[in-house]
Protein backbone atom coordinates (compact mmCIF):
# COMPACT_ATOMS: atom_id res chain seq x y z
CA MET A 1 20.53 -47.51 -81.07
CA ILE A 2 17.82 -50.20 -80.90
CA SER A 3 18.53 -53.93 -81.01
CA LEU A 4 15.97 -56.73 -80.92
CA ARG A 5 17.12 -60.34 -80.59
CA GLY A 6 14.69 -63.22 -80.88
CA VAL A 7 11.83 -61.14 -79.45
CA ARG A 8 8.66 -63.16 -78.84
CA LYS A 9 5.31 -62.33 -77.34
CA THR A 10 2.77 -64.95 -76.24
CA TYR A 11 -0.60 -64.21 -74.64
CA ALA A 12 -2.55 -66.60 -72.43
CA SER A 13 -6.14 -67.37 -73.45
CA PRO A 14 -8.83 -69.87 -72.41
CA ALA A 15 -8.08 -71.83 -75.60
CA GLY A 16 -4.37 -71.90 -74.86
CA PRO A 17 -1.36 -69.67 -75.55
CA ILE A 18 -1.52 -67.31 -78.54
CA GLU A 19 1.80 -66.35 -80.09
CA ALA A 20 1.60 -62.79 -81.44
CA VAL A 21 5.25 -62.17 -82.30
CA ALA A 22 7.66 -64.99 -83.13
CA GLY A 23 11.38 -64.37 -83.02
CA VAL A 24 11.99 -60.85 -84.35
CA SER A 25 15.63 -59.78 -84.66
CA VAL A 26 16.31 -56.27 -85.99
CA ASP A 27 18.90 -53.52 -85.51
CA ILE A 28 18.02 -49.84 -85.94
CA ALA A 29 20.77 -47.23 -86.12
CA GLU A 30 20.70 -43.88 -84.37
CA GLY A 31 18.71 -41.34 -86.38
CA GLU A 32 17.04 -43.92 -88.64
CA PHE A 33 13.35 -43.76 -89.44
CA VAL A 34 11.99 -47.31 -89.82
CA SER A 35 8.41 -48.14 -90.78
CA ILE A 36 6.76 -51.49 -90.11
CA LEU A 37 4.19 -52.84 -92.56
CA GLY A 38 2.12 -55.99 -92.31
CA PRO A 39 -1.39 -57.43 -92.35
CA SER A 40 -3.93 -56.15 -89.84
CA GLY A 41 -3.58 -57.94 -86.51
CA CYS A 42 -0.11 -59.28 -87.26
CA GLY A 43 1.51 -57.92 -84.10
CA LYS A 44 2.97 -54.61 -85.30
CA SER A 45 1.50 -52.62 -82.41
CA THR A 46 2.44 -55.35 -79.93
CA LEU A 47 6.05 -55.06 -81.08
CA LEU A 48 5.92 -51.28 -80.70
CA MET A 49 4.50 -51.56 -77.18
CA MET A 50 7.34 -53.91 -76.23
CA LEU A 51 9.80 -51.33 -77.58
CA ALA A 52 8.07 -48.71 -75.44
CA GLY A 53 8.37 -50.90 -72.34
CA LEU A 54 4.57 -51.07 -72.03
CA GLU A 55 4.36 -54.79 -72.86
CA ASN A 56 6.49 -57.50 -71.30
CA ILE A 57 8.65 -59.65 -73.58
CA THR A 58 7.94 -63.37 -73.43
CA ALA A 59 11.37 -64.29 -74.79
CA GLY A 60 14.37 -62.63 -76.38
CA SER A 61 15.80 -59.20 -75.60
CA ILE A 62 15.51 -55.53 -76.50
CA THR A 63 18.34 -53.10 -75.84
CA ILE A 64 18.30 -49.32 -76.27
CA ALA A 65 21.70 -47.68 -76.62
CA GLY A 66 23.22 -50.81 -75.13
CA GLN A 67 20.93 -50.88 -72.10
CA PRO A 68 18.36 -53.67 -71.63
CA MET A 69 14.70 -52.69 -71.85
CA VAL A 70 13.17 -53.17 -68.42
CA GLY A 71 10.20 -50.77 -68.54
CA PRO A 72 8.98 -47.41 -69.87
CA ARG A 73 11.79 -45.01 -70.73
CA ARG A 74 11.93 -41.24 -70.45
CA ASP A 75 13.94 -40.98 -73.65
CA ALA A 76 11.06 -42.31 -75.78
CA GLY A 77 8.21 -40.25 -77.19
CA LEU A 78 4.97 -42.04 -78.08
CA VAL A 79 2.26 -41.11 -80.57
CA PHE A 80 -0.88 -43.26 -80.69
CA GLN A 81 -3.69 -43.74 -83.23
CA ASP A 82 -5.80 -41.31 -81.22
CA ALA A 83 -4.31 -37.99 -80.16
CA THR A 84 -5.33 -38.78 -76.53
CA LEU A 85 -5.34 -35.11 -75.54
CA LEU A 86 -6.75 -34.05 -72.19
CA PRO A 87 -9.94 -32.13 -73.06
CA TRP A 88 -9.68 -29.58 -70.24
CA LEU A 89 -6.16 -28.47 -71.18
CA SER A 90 -5.07 -26.05 -73.90
CA ALA A 91 -2.93 -27.22 -76.81
CA LEU A 92 0.13 -25.76 -75.10
CA ASP A 93 -0.63 -27.43 -71.78
CA ASN A 94 -1.24 -30.75 -73.54
CA VAL A 95 2.20 -30.50 -75.15
CA LEU A 96 3.68 -29.75 -71.72
CA PHE A 97 1.81 -32.55 -69.96
CA PRO A 98 4.76 -35.04 -70.12
CA ILE A 99 6.90 -32.41 -68.40
CA LYS A 100 4.41 -32.32 -65.54
CA MET A 101 4.28 -36.12 -65.33
CA MET A 102 8.09 -36.35 -65.25
CA ARG A 103 8.19 -33.61 -62.61
CA LEU A 104 10.54 -31.51 -64.70
CA PRO A 105 10.66 -27.71 -64.36
CA ARG A 106 7.90 -26.38 -66.63
CA GLU A 107 9.57 -23.02 -67.17
CA LYS A 108 12.51 -24.68 -68.94
CA TYR A 109 10.23 -26.29 -71.54
CA VAL A 110 7.60 -23.64 -72.33
CA ALA A 111 9.69 -22.02 -75.06
CA ARG A 112 10.36 -25.41 -76.66
CA ALA A 113 6.66 -26.32 -76.57
CA GLU A 114 5.76 -23.00 -78.19
CA GLU A 115 8.43 -23.45 -80.87
CA LEU A 116 7.15 -26.94 -81.67
CA LEU A 117 3.56 -25.70 -82.02
CA HIS A 118 4.72 -22.87 -84.27
CA SER A 119 6.68 -25.33 -86.40
CA VAL A 120 3.54 -27.36 -87.16
CA GLY A 121 1.40 -24.32 -87.91
CA LEU A 122 -0.39 -24.07 -84.57
CA GLY A 123 1.15 -20.87 -83.28
CA ASP A 124 -2.26 -19.18 -83.23
CA PHE A 125 -3.98 -22.14 -81.53
CA MET A 126 -1.89 -22.63 -78.39
CA GLU A 127 -4.72 -21.68 -76.02
CA LYS A 128 -7.40 -23.67 -77.83
CA ARG A 129 -8.92 -26.76 -76.22
CA PRO A 130 -8.99 -30.06 -78.17
CA ARG A 131 -12.69 -29.64 -79.02
CA GLU A 132 -11.75 -26.45 -80.88
CA LEU A 133 -9.18 -28.24 -83.05
CA SER A 134 -9.62 -30.44 -86.11
CA GLY A 135 -8.43 -34.05 -86.12
CA GLY A 136 -5.25 -33.10 -87.96
CA MET A 137 -4.57 -30.28 -85.52
CA ARG A 138 -5.01 -32.62 -82.57
CA GLN A 139 -2.48 -35.05 -84.06
CA ARG A 140 -0.05 -32.17 -84.60
CA VAL A 141 -0.36 -31.39 -80.90
CA ALA A 142 0.29 -35.08 -80.13
CA LEU A 143 3.44 -35.03 -82.28
CA CYS A 144 4.67 -31.92 -80.47
CA ARG A 145 3.92 -33.55 -77.11
CA SER A 146 6.06 -36.55 -78.06
CA LEU A 147 9.02 -34.27 -78.80
CA VAL A 148 8.79 -31.71 -76.00
CA HIS A 149 11.12 -33.55 -73.60
CA THR A 150 13.75 -34.03 -76.37
CA PRO A 151 13.53 -37.84 -76.51
CA SER A 152 16.10 -39.82 -78.45
CA ILE A 153 13.44 -42.23 -79.79
CA MET A 154 9.99 -41.68 -81.30
CA LEU A 155 7.52 -44.57 -81.41
CA MET A 156 4.42 -43.97 -83.55
CA ASP A 157 1.50 -46.39 -83.75
CA GLU A 158 -0.55 -45.55 -86.87
CA PRO A 159 -0.87 -41.91 -85.81
CA PHE A 160 -2.69 -40.85 -88.99
CA SER A 161 -5.03 -43.82 -89.45
CA ALA A 162 -8.15 -42.03 -88.18
CA LEU A 163 -7.70 -39.02 -90.47
CA ASP A 164 -9.27 -38.42 -93.87
CA ALA A 165 -7.05 -38.96 -96.92
CA ILE A 166 -6.24 -35.29 -97.54
CA THR A 167 -5.42 -34.57 -93.89
CA ARG A 168 -3.38 -37.77 -93.71
CA ASP A 169 -1.24 -36.64 -96.63
CA GLU A 170 -0.77 -33.25 -94.97
CA MET A 171 0.29 -34.90 -91.72
CA ALA A 172 2.88 -37.03 -93.50
CA LEU A 173 4.47 -33.82 -94.79
CA VAL A 174 4.32 -32.29 -91.30
CA LEU A 175 6.15 -35.33 -89.96
CA LEU A 176 8.74 -35.13 -92.75
CA ASP A 177 9.43 -31.53 -91.76
CA LEU A 178 9.62 -32.36 -88.04
CA TRP A 179 12.02 -35.18 -88.82
CA ALA A 180 14.28 -32.87 -90.82
CA ARG A 181 14.36 -30.46 -87.87
CA HIS A 182 14.81 -32.89 -84.98
CA ARG A 183 16.10 -36.18 -86.48
CA LYS A 184 15.23 -38.75 -83.83
CA THR A 185 15.47 -42.51 -84.07
CA GLY A 186 11.95 -43.50 -85.08
CA ILE A 187 9.71 -46.52 -85.52
CA PHE A 188 6.45 -45.92 -87.38
CA ILE A 189 3.58 -48.40 -87.64
CA THR A 190 1.34 -47.93 -90.67
CA HIS A 191 -0.94 -49.74 -93.11
CA SER A 192 -0.12 -47.26 -95.88
CA ILE A 193 2.68 -48.49 -98.13
CA ARG A 194 3.08 -45.11 -99.83
CA GLU A 195 3.27 -43.37 -96.45
CA ALA A 196 5.97 -45.79 -95.29
CA VAL A 197 8.09 -45.26 -98.42
CA LEU A 198 7.71 -41.48 -98.29
CA LEU A 199 8.76 -41.20 -94.64
CA SER A 200 11.28 -43.96 -94.08
CA ASP A 201 14.92 -44.88 -94.39
CA ARG A 202 13.96 -48.56 -94.15
CA VAL A 203 10.71 -50.51 -94.28
CA LEU A 204 10.22 -53.81 -92.45
CA VAL A 205 7.56 -56.24 -93.66
CA MET A 206 5.93 -58.58 -91.13
CA THR A 207 3.89 -61.72 -91.75
CA LYS A 208 0.53 -62.68 -90.31
CA ARG A 209 0.48 -63.75 -86.66
CA PRO A 210 2.69 -65.16 -85.26
CA ALA A 211 4.68 -62.37 -86.86
CA VAL A 212 8.23 -62.51 -88.13
CA VAL A 213 10.10 -59.97 -90.26
CA VAL A 214 10.35 -61.32 -93.81
CA ALA A 215 11.84 -58.27 -95.55
CA ASP A 216 13.99 -55.27 -94.69
CA VAL A 217 13.89 -52.80 -97.58
CA LYS A 218 16.18 -49.76 -97.76
CA ILE A 219 14.55 -46.63 -99.17
CA PRO A 220 17.07 -44.90 -101.46
CA PHE A 221 15.70 -41.34 -101.56
CA ALA A 222 17.94 -38.66 -100.07
CA ARG A 223 16.85 -36.37 -97.24
CA PRO A 224 15.49 -33.80 -96.98
CA ARG A 225 12.70 -35.06 -99.23
CA ASP A 226 9.25 -33.78 -100.15
CA GLU A 227 6.06 -35.05 -101.74
CA SER A 228 7.50 -34.78 -105.27
CA VAL A 229 9.46 -37.99 -104.68
CA GLN A 230 6.14 -39.86 -104.97
CA ASP A 231 5.97 -38.98 -108.68
CA SER A 232 9.15 -40.88 -109.54
CA PRO A 233 9.08 -44.31 -111.24
CA GLU A 234 11.45 -45.61 -108.54
CA PHE A 235 8.97 -44.70 -105.80
CA THR A 236 6.16 -46.48 -107.63
CA ALA A 237 8.36 -49.55 -108.13
CA ILE A 238 9.26 -49.76 -104.43
CA VAL A 239 5.58 -49.43 -103.44
CA ALA A 240 4.66 -52.25 -105.84
CA ARG A 241 7.49 -54.42 -104.53
CA LEU A 242 6.40 -53.96 -100.93
CA ARG A 243 2.76 -54.63 -101.81
CA GLY A 244 3.82 -57.86 -103.48
CA MET A 245 5.80 -58.91 -100.39
CA ILE A 246 2.82 -58.30 -98.09
CA GLU A 247 0.41 -60.15 -100.38
CA HIS A 248 2.84 -63.07 -100.64
CA SER A 249 3.28 -63.26 -96.86
CA ILE A 250 -0.50 -63.42 -96.43
CA LYS A 251 -0.83 -66.24 -98.98
CA VAL A 252 2.02 -68.22 -97.47
CA ALA A 253 0.58 -67.87 -93.96
CA ALA A 254 -2.84 -68.94 -95.18
């Protein structure tokens, strides 16, 4: 579904070019959920923005379903660190906002938007404005918004990083449930190793900038899965293995 070949990203600066991403080559199958871990500032978000068509590629290629990436795509849903809801719109209208921007017929998507909000526990909050919602609620709205136009790909850039620990754990379970219902091809940026293992089919580990992928770890737990998988010795072992890989990549880069 997604293929990256030798993808590089270099930024110009007064001190000279800065290479953020250095030669990433990865294949992601249709319906896979892949998390990307790595040190802060290593280029994870830059890679995601290139996949979204919001950042130009300096070198290499990205193809989606066999088609070259040449710009933003309608078949991708994005979720950012901040919910980025429009404060004057209701939760329902925020979910439907991409439909307006794509100039699609609203009436064909209202029922889907309502069903999505019900599925994340916001059926009684559809007419509430963002200021009337908690941080977790706002991120649930953002997740629904990313799915309302039935995209084939979901791209998520640390969507739970601004939430408190309890709400973050709740949101991971919400996303697990959404994934079981809708099963999109997904790429998820996170700093939480446990979150990545709980949610993912595979976890990629990136080095410090300029970033390369140094590990591609398959997560063996069957789907559907729930939070109880975190209590298993195998889960703990995978988390420890990934933590060791990240720590090693930082030491090597230093």
